[in-house]
Amino acid sequence: MQHNIHAKTVGWWGQEFHFLAWLKAQNATLLPPTLVQYQQWAAEIGLYHFLLKRILSLRRDSIRKMRG
């Protein structure tokens, strides 16, 4: 799944089970799952907002370090 959503790192996390259950409940017929489907699911459970905040925080930290 990580490859299909272009993840930078690969791992296994319990939320993947929830995502697969969500796909089944949505009667998803697209295989493999798409990035859009993942984003919809993540938004529904509040994960997308959390990840976006984390990414922005990491970028700010990176810019601060570059500026010295």
PDB file of N, CA and C in Angstrom:
ATOM      1  N   MET A   1       0.815  -1.182   0.000  1.00  0.00           N
ATOM      2  CA  MET A   1       0.000   0.000   0.000  1.00  0.00           C
ATOM      3  C   MET A   1       0.865   1.255   0.000  1.00  0.00           C
ATOM      4  N   GLN A   2       1.972   1.231   0.728  1.00  0.00           N
ATOM      5  CA  GLN A   2       2.826   2.415   0.783  1.00  0.00           C
ATOM      6  C   GLN A   2       3.275   2.840  -0.612  1.00  0.00           C
ATOM      7  N   HIS A   3       3.606   1.869  -1.446  1.00  0.00           N
ATOM      8  CA  HIS A   3       4.035   2.178  -2.808  1.00  0.00           C
ATOM      9  C   HIS A   3       2.912   2.868  -3.576  1.00  0.00           C
ATOM     10  N   ASN A   4       1.705   2.391  -3.394  1.00  0.00           N
ATOM     11  CA  ASN A   4       0.578   2.922  -4.147  1.00  0.00           C
ATOM     12  C   ASN A   4       0.218   4.354  -3.773  1.00  0.00           C
ATOM     13  N   ILE A   5       0.526   4.755  -2.565  1.00  0.00           N
ATOM     14  CA  ILE A   5       0.232   6.135  -2.155  1.00  0.00           C
ATOM     15  C   ILE A   5       1.508   6.974  -2.114  1.00  0.00           C
ATOM     16  N   HIS A   6       2.603   6.416  -2.661  1.00  0.00           N
ATOM     17  CA  HIS A   6       3.881   7.118  -2.781  1.00  0.00           C
ATOM     18  C   HIS A   6       4.455   7.527  -1.429  1.00  0.00           C
ATOM     19  N   ALA A   7       4.366   6.635  -0.464  1.00  0.00           N
ATOM     20  CA  ALA A   7       4.917   6.908   0.864  1.00  0.00           C
ATOM     21  C   ALA A   7       6.439   6.963   0.791  1.00  0.00           C
ATOM     22  N   LYS A   8       7.022   7.804   1.604  1.00  0.00           N
ATOM     23  CA  LYS A   8       8.483   7.940   1.641  1.00  0.00           C
ATOM     24  C   LYS A   8       9.135   6.826   2.442  1.00  0.00           C
ATOM     25  N   THR A   9       8.437   6.309   3.437  1.00  0.00           N
ATOM     26  CA  THR A   9       8.960   5.207   4.234  1.00  0.00           C
ATOM     27  C   THR A   9       7.952   4.070   4.217  1.00  0.00           C
ATOM     28  N   VAL A  10       8.458   2.884   4.462  1.00  0.00           N
ATOM     29  CA  VAL A  10       7.604   1.699   4.443  1.00  0.00           C
ATOM     30  C   VAL A  10       7.578   1.087   5.834  1.00  0.00           C
ATOM     31  N   GLY A  11       6.405   0.747   6.274  1.00  0.00           N
ATOM     32  CA  GLY A  11       6.232   0.118   7.573  1.00  0.00           C
ATOM     33  C   GLY A  11       4.845  -0.481   7.641  1.00  0.00           C
ATOM     34  N   TRP A  12       4.541  -1.099   8.735  1.00  0.00           N
ATOM     35  CA  TRP A  12       3.212  -1.667   8.918  1.00  0.00           C
ATOM     36  C   TRP A  12       2.616  -1.048  10.157  1.00  0.00           C
ATOM     37  N   TRP A  13       1.419  -0.529  10.030  1.00  0.00           N
ATOM     38  CA  TRP A  13       0.758   0.101  11.151  1.00  0.00           C
ATOM     39  C   TRP A  13      -0.681  -0.360  11.174  1.00  0.00           C
ATOM     40  N   GLY A  14      -1.249  -0.436  12.350  1.00  0.00           N
ATOM     41  CA  GLY A  14      -2.599  -0.962  12.525  1.00  0.00           C
ATOM     42  C   GLY A  14      -3.660  -0.212  11.758  1.00  0.00           C
ATOM     43  N   GLN A  15      -3.387   1.061  11.438  1.00  0.00           N
ATOM     44  CA  GLN A  15      -4.379   1.838  10.700  1.00  0.00           C
ATOM     45  C   GLN A  15      -4.606   1.295   9.300  1.00  0.00           C
ATOM     46  N   GLU A  16      -3.659   0.545   8.779  1.00  0.00           N
ATOM     47  CA  GLU A  16      -3.859  -0.049   7.456  1.00  0.00           C
ATOM     48  C   GLU A  16      -5.060  -0.993   7.475  1.00  0.00           C
ATOM     49  N   PHE A  17      -5.240  -1.707   8.574  1.00  0.00           N
ATOM     50  CA  PHE A  17      -6.402  -2.591   8.681  1.00  0.00           C
ATOM     51  C   PHE A  17      -7.695  -1.777   8.626  1.00  0.00           C
ATOM     52  N   HIS A  18      -7.691  -0.632   9.314  1.00  0.00           N
ATOM     53  CA  HIS A  18      -8.867   0.225   9.312  1.00  0.00           C
ATOM     54  C   HIS A  18      -9.123   0.804   7.924  1.00  0.00           C
ATOM     55  N   PHE A  19      -8.050   1.155   7.228  1.00  0.00           N
ATOM     56  CA  PHE A  19      -8.184   1.669   5.865  1.00  0.00           C
ATOM     57  C   PHE A  19      -8.781   0.610   4.944  1.00  0.00           C
ATOM     58  N   LEU A  20      -8.302  -0.615   5.063  1.00  0.00           N
ATOM     59  CA  LEU A  20      -8.839  -1.695   4.225  1.00  0.00           C
ATOM     60  C   LEU A  20     -10.309  -1.967   4.542  1.00  0.00           C
ATOM     61  N   ALA A  21     -10.675  -1.883   5.810  1.00  0.00           N
ATOM     62  CA  ALA A  21     -12.076  -2.057   6.194  1.00  0.00           C
ATOM     63  C   ALA A  21     -12.922  -0.909   5.632  1.00  0.00           C
ATOM     64  N   TRP A  22     -12.375   0.301   5.646  1.00  0.00           N
ATOM     65  CA  TRP A  22     -13.072   1.455   5.085  1.00  0.00           C
ATOM     66  C   TRP A  22     -13.292   1.264   3.596  1.00  0.00           C
ATOM     67  N   LEU A  23     -12.257   0.793   2.898  1.00  0.00           N
ATOM     68  CA  LEU A  23     -12.393   0.534   1.456  1.00  0.00           C
ATOM     69  C   LEU A  23     -13.515  -0.463   1.187  1.00  0.00           C
ATOM     70  N   LYS A  24     -13.553  -1.521   1.982  1.00  0.00           N
ATOM     71  CA  LYS A  24     -14.592  -2.537   1.814  1.00  0.00           C
ATOM     72  C   LYS A  24     -15.973  -1.935   2.040  1.00  0.00           C
ATOM     73  N   ALA A  25     -16.105  -1.111   3.071  1.00  0.00           N
ATOM     74  CA  ALA A  25     -17.387  -0.482   3.377  1.00  0.00           C
ATOM     75  C   ALA A  25     -17.815   0.497   2.277  1.00  0.00           C
ATOM     76  N   GLN A  26     -16.834   1.067   1.587  1.00  0.00           N
ATOM     77  CA  GLN A  26     -17.118   2.003   0.496  1.00  0.00           C
ATOM     78  C   GLN A  26     -17.416   1.264  -0.815  1.00  0.00           C
ATOM     79  N   ASN A  27     -17.339  -0.052  -0.772  1.00  0.00           N
ATOM     80  CA  ASN A  27     -17.477  -0.872  -1.986  1.00  0.00           C
ATOM     81  C   ASN A  27     -16.486  -0.435  -3.056  1.00  0.00           C
ATOM     82  N   ALA A  28     -15.284  -0.119  -2.616  1.00  0.00           N
ATOM     83  CA  ALA A  28     -14.237   0.345  -3.522  1.00  0.00           C
ATOM     84  C   ALA A  28     -13.888  -0.748  -4.520  1.00  0.00           C
ATOM     85  N   THR A  29     -13.892  -0.379  -5.777  1.00  0.00           N
ATOM     86  CA  THR A  29     -13.578  -1.349  -6.821  1.00  0.00           C
ATOM     87  C   THR A  29     -12.239  -1.066  -7.491  1.00  0.00           C
ATOM     88  N   LEU A  30     -11.641   0.075  -7.149  1.00  0.00           N
ATOM     89  CA  LEU A  30     -10.335   0.397  -7.727  1.00  0.00           C
ATOM     90  C   LEU A  30      -9.239  -0.338  -6.967  1.00  0.00           C
ATOM     91  N   LEU A  31      -8.493  -1.124  -7.660  1.00  0.00           N
ATOM     92  CA  LEU A  31      -7.349  -1.809  -7.062  1.00  0.00           C
ATOM     93  C   LEU A  31      -6.131  -1.491  -7.892  1.00  0.00           C
ATOM     94  N   PRO A  32      -5.060  -1.159  -7.322  1.00  0.00           N
ATOM     95  CA  PRO A  32      -4.830  -0.954  -5.892  1.00  0.00           C
ATOM     96  C   PRO A  32      -5.496   0.333  -5.415  1.00  0.00           C
ATOM     97  N   PRO A  33      -5.578   0.513  -4.094  1.00  0.00           N
ATOM     98  CA  PRO A  33      -6.166   1.747  -3.562  1.00  0.00           C
ATOM     99  C   PRO A  33      -5.411   2.966  -4.075  1.00  0.00           C
ATOM    100  N   THR A  34      -6.128   4.057  -4.239  1.00  0.00           N
ATOM    101  CA  THR A  34      -5.512   5.280  -4.759  1.00  0.00           C
ATOM    102  C   THR A  34      -5.153   6.242  -3.629  1.00  0.00           C
ATOM    103  N   LEU A  35      -4.320   7.199  -3.966  1.00  0.00           N
ATOM    104  CA  LEU A  35      -3.955   8.233  -3.011  1.00  0.00           C
ATOM    105  C   LEU A  35      -5.190   9.046  -2.619  1.00  0.00           C
ATOM    106  N   VAL A  36      -6.071   9.306  -3.565  1.00  0.00           N
ATOM    107  CA  VAL A  36      -7.301  10.056  -3.274  1.00  0.00           C
ATOM    108  C   VAL A  36      -8.150   9.304  -2.251  1.00  0.00           C
ATOM    109  N   GLN A  37      -8.288   7.995  -2.410  1.00  0.00           N
ATOM    110  CA  GLN A  37      -9.050   7.199  -1.442  1.00  0.00           C
ATOM    111  C   GLN A  37      -8.408   7.284  -0.061  1.00  0.00           C
ATOM    112  N   TYR A  38      -7.091   7.187  -0.020  1.00  0.00           N
ATOM    113  CA  TYR A  38      -6.391   7.278   1.265  1.00  0.00           C
ATOM    114  C   TYR A  38      -6.633   8.641   1.910  1.00  0.00           C
ATOM    115  N   GLN A  39      -6.544   9.703   1.118  1.00  0.00           N
ATOM    116  CA  GLN A  39      -6.751  11.039   1.650  1.00  0.00           C
ATOM    117  C   GLN A  39      -8.178  11.216   2.169  1.00  0.00           C
ATOM    118  N   GLN A  40      -9.158  10.660   1.475  1.00  0.00           N
ATOM    119  CA  GLN A  40     -10.548  10.743   1.930  1.00  0.00           C
ATOM    120  C   GLN A  40     -10.705  10.040   3.276  1.00  0.00           C
ATOM    121  N   TRP A  41     -10.143   8.850   3.380  1.00  0.00           N
ATOM    122  CA  TRP A  41     -10.214   8.091   4.630  1.00  0.00           C
ATOM    123  C   TRP A  41      -9.513   8.845   5.764  1.00  0.00           C
ATOM    124  N   ALA A  42      -8.309   9.326   5.466  1.00  0.00           N
ATOM    125  CA  ALA A  42      -7.532  10.038   6.481  1.00  0.00           C
ATOM    126  C   ALA A  42      -8.267  11.292   6.955  1.00  0.00           C
ATOM    127  N   ALA A  43      -8.923  11.982   6.031  1.00  0.00           N
ATOM    128  CA  ALA A  43      -9.681  13.176   6.405  1.00  0.00           C
ATOM    129  C   ALA A  43     -10.860  12.805   7.309  1.00  0.00           C
ATOM    130  N   GLU A  44     -11.526  11.704   7.006  1.00  0.00           N
ATOM    131  CA  GLU A  44     -12.681  11.272   7.800  1.00  0.00           C
ATOM    132  C   GLU A  44     -12.310  10.945   9.246  1.00  0.00           C
ATOM    133  N   ILE A  45     -11.126  10.423   9.463  1.00  0.00           N
ATOM    134  CA  ILE A  45     -10.731  10.039  10.824  1.00  0.00           C
ATOM    135  C   ILE A  45      -9.860  11.099  11.497  1.00  0.00           C
ATOM    136  N   GLY A  46      -9.625  12.204  10.812  1.00  0.00           N
ATOM    137  CA  GLY A  46      -8.829  13.276  11.391  1.00  0.00           C
ATOM    138  C   GLY A  46      -7.334  13.083  11.235  1.00  0.00           C
ATOM    139  N   LEU A  47      -6.912  12.027  10.597  1.00  0.00           N
ATOM    140  CA  LEU A  47      -5.488  11.756  10.426  1.00  0.00           C
ATOM    141  C   LEU A  47      -4.863  12.715   9.429  1.00  0.00           C
ATOM    142  N   TYR A  48      -5.588  13.067   8.407  1.00  0.00           N
ATOM    143  CA  TYR A  48      -5.053  13.942   7.365  1.00  0.00           C
ATOM    144  C   TYR A  48      -4.671  15.296   7.958  1.00  0.00           C
ATOM    145  N   HIS A  49      -5.530  15.861   8.789  1.00  0.00           N
ATOM    146  CA  HIS A  49      -5.253  17.148   9.432  1.00  0.00           C
ATOM    147  C   HIS A  49      -4.031  17.044  10.337  1.00  0.00           C
ATOM    148  N   PHE A  50      -3.946  15.953  11.088  1.00  0.00           N
ATOM    149  CA  PHE A  50      -2.797  15.739  11.966  1.00  0.00           C
ATOM    150  C   PHE A  50      -1.502  15.656  11.159  1.00  0.00           C
ATOM    151  N   LEU A  51      -1.516  14.898  10.071  1.00  0.00           N
ATOM    152  CA  LEU A  51      -0.316  14.746   9.247  1.00  0.00           C
ATOM    153  C   LEU A  51       0.084  16.064   8.599  1.00  0.00           C
ATOM    154  N   LEU A  52      -0.893  16.818   8.136  1.00  0.00           N
ATOM    155  CA  LEU A  52      -0.595  18.105   7.522  1.00  0.00           C
ATOM    156  C   LEU A  52       0.063  19.042   8.525  1.00  0.00           C
ATOM    157  N   LYS A  53      -0.467  19.101   9.746  1.00  0.00           N
ATOM    158  CA  LYS A  53       0.142  19.926  10.783  1.00  0.00           C
ATOM    159  C   LYS A  53       1.570  19.480  11.065  1.00  0.00           C
ATOM    160  N   ARG A  54       1.796  18.178  11.100  1.00  0.00           N
ATOM    161  CA  ARG A  54       3.134  17.643  11.383  1.00  0.00           C
ATOM    162  C   ARG A  54       4.111  18.004  10.263  1.00  0.00           C
ATOM    163  N   ILE A  55       3.674  17.890   9.028  1.00  0.00           N
ATOM    164  CA  ILE A  55       4.526  18.220   7.884  1.00  0.00           C
ATOM    165  C   ILE A  55       4.906  19.696   7.924  1.00  0.00           C
ATOM    166  N   LEU A  56       3.927  20.560   8.186  1.00  0.00           N
ATOM    167  CA  LEU A  56       4.211  21.991   8.256  1.00  0.00           C
ATOM    168  C   LEU A  56       5.174  22.309   9.389  1.00  0.00           C
ATOM    169  N   SER A  57       5.021  21.623  10.511  1.00  0.00           N
ATOM    170  CA  SER A  57       5.923  21.818  11.642  1.00  0.00           C
ATOM    171  C   SER A  57       7.353  21.406  11.280  1.00  0.00           C
ATOM    172  N   LEU A  58       7.498  20.290  10.608  1.00  0.00           N
ATOM    173  CA  LEU A  58       8.825  19.824  10.201  1.00  0.00           C
ATOM    174  C   LEU A  58       9.468  20.784   9.211  1.00  0.00           C
ATOM    175  N   ARG A  59       8.672  21.333   8.306  1.00  0.00           N
ATOM    176  CA  ARG A  59       9.203  22.307   7.340  1.00  0.00           C
ATOM    177  C   ARG A  59       9.685  23.563   8.045  1.00  0.00           C
ATOM    178  N   ARG A  60       8.895  24.051   9.011  1.00  0.00           N
ATOM    179  CA  ARG A  60       9.307  25.240   9.761  1.00  0.00           C
ATOM    180  C   ARG A  60      10.627  24.978  10.485  1.00  0.00           C
ATOM    181  N   ASP A  61      10.738  23.818  11.108  1.00  0.00           N
ATOM    182  CA  ASP A  61      11.969  23.470  11.818  1.00  0.00           C
ATOM    183  C   ASP A  61      13.146  23.408  10.863  1.00  0.00           C
ATOM    184  N   SER A  62      12.929  22.849   9.696  1.00  0.00           N
ATOM    185  CA  SER A  62      13.987  22.737   8.705  1.00  0.00           C
ATOM    186  C   SER A  62      14.436  24.109   8.221  1.00  0.00           C
ATOM    187  N   ILE A  63      13.497  25.007   7.992  1.00  0.00           N
ATOM    188  CA  ILE A  63      13.837  26.367   7.549  1.00  0.00           C
ATOM    189  C   ILE A  63      14.620  27.089   8.631  1.00  0.00           C
ATOM    190  N   ARG A  64      14.200  26.940   9.868  1.00  0.00           N
ATOM    191  CA  ARG A  64      14.928  27.574  10.983  1.00  0.00           C
ATOM    192  C   ARG A  64      16.374  27.097  11.050  1.00  0.00           C
ATOM    193  N   LYS A  65      16.576  25.797  10.860  1.00  0.00           N
ATOM    194  CA  LYS A  65      17.926  25.240  10.917  1.00  0.00           C
ATOM    195  C   LYS A  65      18.785  25.774   9.776  1.00  0.00           C
ATOM    196  N   MET A  66      18.186  25.913   8.585  1.00  0.00           N
ATOM    197  CA  MET A  66      18.937  26.413   7.428  1.00  0.00           C
ATOM    198  C   MET A  66      19.338  27.876   7.625  1.00  0.00           C
ATOM    199  N   ARG A  67      18.492  28.628   8.289  1.00  0.00           N
ATOM    200  CA  ARG A  67      18.774  30.053   8.523  1.00  0.00           C
ATOM    201  C   ARG A  67      19.777  30.267   9.638  1.00  0.00           C
ATOM    202  N   GLY A  68      19.948  29.232  10.452  1.00  0.00           N
ATOM    203  CA  GLY A  68      20.949  29.312  11.519  1.00  0.00           C
ATOM    204  C   GLY A  68      20.383  29.882  12.727  1.00  0.00           C
TER     205      GLY A  68
END
